[in-house]
Protein backbone atom coordinates (compact mmCIF):
# COMPACT_ATOMS: atom_id res chain seq x y z
CA MET A 1 -34.84 43.66 14.75
CA ALA A 2 -35.68 41.40 11.81
CA PRO A 3 -38.51 39.38 13.45
CA ALA A 4 -40.09 42.56 14.85
CA LEU A 5 -39.93 44.30 11.48
CA ILE A 6 -41.41 41.28 9.70
CA LEU A 7 -44.27 41.03 12.19
CA ARG A 8 -44.95 44.78 11.91
CA SER A 9 -44.98 44.45 8.14
CA PHE A 10 -47.43 41.53 8.20
CA SER A 11 -49.63 43.27 10.78
CA ALA A 12 -49.77 46.39 8.60
CA ALA A 13 -50.71 44.24 5.59
CA LEU A 14 -53.58 42.67 7.55
CA GLY A 15 -54.68 46.06 8.81
CA GLN A 16 -55.15 47.34 5.27
CA LEU A 17 -57.87 44.81 4.43
CA SER A 18 -60.38 47.52 5.37
CA ASP A 19 -58.98 49.78 2.63
CA PRO A 20 -61.28 49.42 -0.46
CA PRO A 21 -58.52 49.60 -3.15
CA PHE A 22 -56.42 47.05 -1.30
CA ARG A 23 -59.41 44.81 -0.52
CA ARG A 24 -60.41 44.81 -4.19
CA VAL A 25 -56.95 43.62 -5.26
CA PHE A 26 -56.88 41.14 -2.37
CA LEU A 27 -60.21 39.55 -3.30
CA THR A 28 -59.25 39.44 -6.99
CA GLY A 29 -56.00 37.68 -6.10
CA VAL A 30 -57.76 35.17 -3.84
CA GLY A 31 -60.37 34.49 -6.52
CA LEU A 32 -57.77 33.95 -9.23
CA THR A 33 -55.74 31.68 -6.95
CA LEU A 34 -58.83 29.58 -6.25
CA LEU A 35 -59.70 29.42 -9.96
CA LEU A 36 -56.19 28.20 -10.83
CA LEU A 37 -56.42 25.40 -8.27
CA ILE A 38 -59.94 24.46 -9.40
CA ALA A 39 -58.84 24.40 -13.04
CA VAL A 40 -56.00 22.01 -12.24
CA THR A 41 -58.35 19.79 -10.19
CA VAL A 42 -60.94 19.66 -12.99
CA ALA A 43 -58.23 18.79 -15.51
CA VAL A 44 -56.97 15.91 -13.33
CA VAL A 45 -60.51 14.57 -12.78
CA TRP A 46 -61.26 14.77 -16.51
CA LEU A 47 -58.08 12.88 -17.37
CA LEU A 48 -58.88 10.16 -14.83
CA ASN A 49 -62.43 9.78 -16.14
CA ALA A 50 -61.12 9.56 -19.69
CA ALA A 51 -58.49 6.98 -18.77
CA LEU A 52 -60.60 4.71 -16.54
CA PRO A 53 -63.36 2.47 -17.93
CA GLU A 54 -66.94 2.92 -16.69
CA ALA A 55 -67.05 -0.71 -15.63
CA MET A 56 -64.31 -3.11 -14.56
CA ALA A 57 -64.27 -6.77 -13.59
CA LEU A 58 -62.55 -7.37 -10.24
CA PRO A 59 -61.76 -10.70 -8.54
CA LEU A 60 -64.40 -11.73 -5.96
CA LEU A 61 -66.45 -8.56 -6.60
CA GLY A 62 -67.32 -9.23 -10.21
CA GLU A 63 -68.18 -6.28 -12.45
CA VAL A 64 -68.18 -2.88 -10.74
CA ASN A 65 -69.04 0.48 -12.28
CA TRP A 66 -68.00 2.89 -9.54
CA ILE A 67 -64.22 2.87 -10.06
CA ASP A 68 -64.26 6.16 -11.97
CA ASP A 69 -66.40 7.80 -9.24
CA ILE A 70 -63.93 6.79 -6.55
CA ALA A 71 -61.05 8.01 -8.70
CA SER A 72 -62.79 11.37 -9.23
CA TRP A 73 -63.35 11.96 -5.52
CA GLY A 74 -59.87 10.68 -4.80
CA ALA A 75 -58.50 13.20 -7.29
CA VAL A 76 -60.22 16.05 -5.44
CA LEU A 77 -58.72 14.91 -2.13
CA LEU A 78 -55.36 14.45 -3.83
CA MET A 79 -55.50 18.00 -5.19
CA LEU A 80 -56.10 19.35 -1.67
CA VAL A 81 -52.85 17.66 -0.68
CA LEU A 82 -51.04 18.70 -3.84
CA SER A 83 -52.20 22.29 -3.33
CA VAL A 84 -49.51 22.47 -0.66
CA PHE A 85 -46.92 22.14 -3.44
CA LEU A 86 -48.93 23.81 -6.20
CA MET A 87 -49.40 26.97 -4.15
CA VAL A 88 -45.71 27.82 -4.41
CA PRO A 89 -45.71 28.33 -8.19
CA VAL A 90 -49.24 29.78 -7.96
CA ALA A 91 -47.99 32.33 -5.41
CA SER A 92 -45.18 33.23 -7.79
CA ALA A 93 -47.64 33.73 -10.66
CA ILE A 94 -50.03 35.81 -8.53
CA THR A 95 -47.12 38.01 -7.44
CA ALA A 96 -46.10 38.67 -11.02
CA LEU A 97 -49.68 39.66 -11.86
CA PHE A 98 -50.65 41.73 -8.84
CA LEU A 99 -47.51 42.99 -7.12
CA ASP A 100 -47.62 46.46 -8.70
CA GLN A 101 -51.25 46.96 -7.73
CA VAL A 102 -50.69 45.69 -4.19
CA ALA A 103 -47.52 47.76 -3.72
CA GLU A 104 -49.17 50.92 -5.04
CA ALA A 105 -52.14 50.48 -2.67
CA VAL A 106 -49.77 49.96 0.29
CA GLU A 107 -47.54 52.88 -0.63
CA ALA A 108 -50.43 55.26 -1.26
CA ARG A 109 -51.71 54.69 2.27
CA HIS A 110 -48.54 54.20 4.29
CA TYR A 111 -45.72 55.87 2.34
CA PRO A 112 -47.19 58.82 0.40
CA GLN A 113 -44.08 60.91 1.18
CA ALA A 114 -41.90 58.42 -0.72
CA GLY A 115 -43.21 59.56 -4.09
CA ARG A 116 -44.05 57.20 -6.93
CA ALA A 117 -42.04 54.13 -7.90
CA GLN A 118 -40.91 53.50 -11.45
CA GLU A 119 -43.00 51.06 -13.45
CA VAL A 120 -41.20 47.90 -14.55
CA PRO A 121 -41.85 47.27 -18.28
CA TRP A 122 -44.40 44.50 -18.77
CA GLY A 123 -42.13 42.47 -21.01
CA GLU A 124 -39.28 42.64 -18.52
CA ALA A 125 -41.55 41.65 -15.64
CA LEU A 126 -42.92 38.73 -17.68
CA ARG A 127 -39.41 37.54 -18.53
CA ASP A 128 -38.36 37.69 -14.88
CA GLY A 129 -41.51 35.83 -13.83
CA VAL A 130 -41.02 33.03 -16.36
CA ASN A 131 -37.33 32.66 -15.50
CA PHE A 132 -38.07 32.51 -11.79
CA LEU A 133 -40.89 30.01 -12.29
CA GLY A 134 -38.44 27.74 -14.10
CA VAL A 135 -35.96 27.98 -11.21
CA LEU A 136 -38.76 27.34 -8.71
CA VAL A 137 -40.02 24.21 -10.48
CA ALA A 138 -36.50 22.84 -11.06
CA ALA A 139 -35.44 23.42 -7.43
CA ASN A 140 -38.56 21.73 -6.06
CA ALA A 141 -38.16 18.80 -8.46
CA LEU A 142 -34.63 18.25 -7.17
CA ALA A 143 -35.86 18.61 -3.59
CA LEU A 144 -38.17 15.61 -4.13
CA VAL A 145 -35.09 13.40 -3.87
CA LEU A 146 -34.34 14.81 -0.43
CA TYR A 147 -37.98 14.34 0.61
CA LEU A 148 -37.71 10.63 -0.26
CA PHE A 149 -34.45 10.07 1.62
CA LEU A 150 -35.22 12.36 4.57
CA PRO A 151 -39.00 12.15 5.15
CA PRO A 152 -38.96 13.64 8.69
CA ALA A 153 -37.05 16.68 7.42
CA ALA A 154 -39.25 17.15 4.32
CA PRO A 155 -41.42 19.99 5.72
CA PHE A 156 -38.37 21.93 6.90
CA ILE A 157 -36.59 21.44 3.55
CA PHE A 158 -39.75 22.58 1.76
CA TRP A 159 -40.14 25.68 3.95
CA GLY A 160 -36.46 26.59 3.87
CA LEU A 161 -36.04 26.15 0.12
CA ASN A 162 -39.23 27.91 -0.94
CA GLY A 163 -38.89 30.53 1.77
CA TYR A 164 -35.56 31.48 0.24
CA LEU A 165 -36.84 31.44 -3.34
CA LEU A 166 -40.14 33.25 -2.72
CA GLY A 167 -38.58 35.76 -0.33
CA ARG A 168 -35.95 36.56 -2.91
CA GLU A 169 -38.54 37.03 -5.67
CA TYR A 170 -41.00 39.09 -3.62
CA PHE A 171 -38.35 41.42 -2.20
CA GLN A 172 -36.57 41.81 -5.53
CA MET A 173 -39.79 42.68 -7.36
CA VAL A 174 -40.68 45.35 -4.80
CA ALA A 175 -37.18 46.81 -4.57
CA ILE A 176 -36.53 46.96 -8.30
CA ARG A 177 -39.37 49.46 -8.69
CA TRP A 178 -37.45 51.95 -6.54
CA LEU A 179 -33.79 51.09 -6.93
CA GLY A 180 -33.30 49.36 -10.26
CA ARG A 181 -32.13 45.80 -10.80
CA THR A 182 -28.52 46.06 -9.57
CA ALA A 183 -29.18 48.11 -6.43
CA ALA A 184 -32.20 45.94 -5.56
CA ALA A 185 -30.03 42.81 -5.71
CA ASP A 186 -27.37 44.49 -3.53
CA LEU A 187 -29.98 45.47 -0.93
CA ARG A 188 -31.41 41.97 -0.89
CA ARG A 189 -27.96 40.47 -0.31
CA ARG A 190 -27.27 42.87 2.57
CA HIS A 191 -30.50 41.80 4.27
CA SER A 192 -30.54 38.21 3.04
CA GLY A 193 -31.31 36.76 6.49
CA THR A 194 -34.31 39.03 7.02
CA VAL A 195 -35.62 38.36 3.50
CA TRP A 196 -35.20 34.60 3.94
CA LEU A 197 -36.97 34.60 7.31
CA ALA A 198 -39.85 36.63 5.88
CA GLY A 199 -40.04 34.17 2.98
CA ILE A 200 -40.20 31.20 5.37
CA LEU A 201 -42.95 32.87 7.42
CA MET A 202 -44.89 33.28 4.19
CA THR A 203 -44.21 29.74 2.94
CA VAL A 204 -45.39 27.97 6.12
CA PRO A 205 -49.06 29.08 5.76
CA LEU A 206 -48.80 28.40 2.01
CA SER A 207 -48.61 24.72 2.98
CA ILE A 208 -51.99 24.86 4.79
CA PRO A 209 -54.97 24.24 2.47
CA LEU A 210 -57.53 27.09 2.27
CA LEU A 211 -55.37 29.41 4.37
CA ASN A 212 -52.87 29.38 1.50
CA LEU A 213 -55.38 31.17 -0.75
CA VAL A 214 -54.93 34.49 1.07
CA ILE A 215 -51.15 34.40 1.42
CA PRO A 216 -49.86 35.49 -2.03
CA VAL A 217 -51.43 38.97 -1.93
CA LEU A 218 -50.76 39.45 1.79
CA GLY A 219 -47.18 38.36 1.12
CA ALA A 220 -46.76 41.02 -1.58
CA ALA A 221 -48.06 43.65 0.84
CA THR A 222 -45.81 42.39 3.64
CA PHE A 223 -42.70 42.57 1.47
CA THR A 224 -43.65 46.09 0.37
CA HIS A 225 -43.67 47.14 4.04
CA LEU A 226 -40.46 45.20 4.63
CA PHE A 227 -38.66 47.04 1.83
CA HIS A 228 -39.70 50.45 3.13
CA GLY A 229 -38.88 49.41 6.68
CA LEU A 230 -35.34 48.55 5.64
CA THR A 231 -34.75 51.65 3.52
CA ARG A 232 -36.65 54.44 5.29
CA PRO A 233 -36.64 55.71 8.87
CA ARG A 234 -39.67 54.76 10.92
CA PRO A 235 -42.19 57.61 11.28
């Protein structure tokens, strides 16, 4: 049941791209995600240019003045690679910013009979987002040790760890709007396998440059469908 429900949820999220309110939030989320990655890239390039001299004397080659240019282009390529890891915290930040808008657009079209969810206070949502971001960064920093000792298993460790963390956050943030904090956590624990699998299926495309730009908002929509699929009878 779980894989079928997850695929239905993702398919429904894709199908809503033709809906103007949803498409507006989707494009805003993609644009902000891209801006965050560009800002980090520009910052890295600026730091490299500031740190490296314009000219440098090298053995056999003599004085060269293109070291900083190579470093700048290398930084851009490096950021494409690092975006695989950066997209995890970026996805978390985008969720905190846009989940309510995404969930409301999904629920207005697909679950109008459910009524209206309770709004989570902004301060409470911000606190949860900051706390989770800290857990996310700390967990991935510790996972770097495993990546070094188990290189062949690194992608699977990355997907499994972040699939669990992101799935937990996405589902919890959707469910808390309807059930409150305690009941949302209980529901997540009862369906922990489904939530984890959905998180992994979201994390895998997050590790693919360019494709990862569209995943945070689609992930929020998918988990909104997943929550309603687990708590309401199918029409």
